[in-house]
Amino acid sequence: MTAGTGEHQPEVRDRLRWTGAAPDSPVAVLVIPTDEEQVVANEAFRTGPER
């Protein structure tokens, strides 16, 4: 999950504990900050029409 759900809604993350993503779980959970707007802009520039 990224953006608001992944970063700012612990109650949503808490509801996913059944997947094994709990603090005491052997499952590795990574927090990776993202800049989704930049990723979309880069892809649009890369795949868009040539100038």
Protein backbone atom coordinates (compact mmCIF):
# COMPACT_ATOMS: atom_id res chain seq x y z
CA MET A 1 0.00 0.00 0.00
CA THR A 2 1.22 3.45 -0.73
CA ALA A 3 0.16 7.03 -0.13
CA GLY A 4 -2.40 7.82 2.55
CA THR A 5 -3.53 4.24 3.15
CA GLY A 6 -0.07 2.82 3.58
CA GLU A 7 1.44 5.71 5.45
CA HIS A 8 -1.32 7.33 7.47
CA GLN A 9 -4.05 4.77 8.25
CA PRO A 10 -2.83 2.35 10.91
CA GLU A 11 -6.38 1.03 11.40
CA VAL A 12 -6.40 -0.26 7.81
CA ARG A 13 -2.99 -1.87 8.24
CA ASP A 14 -4.17 -3.41 11.52
CA ARG A 15 -7.06 -5.11 9.73
CA LEU A 16 -4.51 -6.88 7.50
CA ARG A 17 -2.78 -8.69 10.36
CA TRP A 18 -4.43 -11.95 9.26
CA THR A 19 -2.02 -11.96 6.30
CA GLY A 20 0.91 -12.38 8.66
CA ALA A 21 1.91 -8.72 8.58
CA ALA A 22 2.01 -8.21 12.35
CA PRO A 23 4.89 -6.75 14.37
CA ASP A 24 5.74 -10.16 15.87
CA SER A 25 5.34 -12.06 12.58
CA PRO A 26 8.19 -13.79 10.71
CA VAL A 27 6.90 -12.10 7.55
CA ALA A 28 9.10 -9.21 6.45
CA VAL A 29 7.18 -5.99 5.92
CA LEU A 30 8.98 -3.07 4.32
CA VAL A 31 8.09 0.60 4.42
CA ILE A 32 9.27 2.23 1.22
CA PRO A 33 8.51 5.93 0.78
CA THR A 34 7.18 6.71 -2.69
CA ASP A 35 6.57 9.71 -4.87
CA GLU A 36 3.75 8.43 -7.05
CA GLU A 37 3.30 11.72 -8.87
CA GLN A 38 6.94 11.67 -9.95
CA VAL A 39 6.70 8.06 -11.11
CA VAL A 40 3.63 8.84 -13.22
CA ALA A 41 5.28 11.94 -14.69
CA ASN A 42 8.43 9.99 -15.57
CA GLU A 43 6.45 7.24 -17.28
CA ALA A 44 4.33 9.75 -19.21
CA PHE A 45 7.47 11.51 -20.39
CA ARG A 46 9.20 8.23 -21.25
CA THR A 47 6.30 6.68 -23.17
CA GLY A 48 4.65 9.79 -24.60
CA PRO A 49 5.05 11.13 -28.12
CA GLU A 50 8.44 12.45 -29.15
CA ARG A 51 8.88 16.18 -29.12
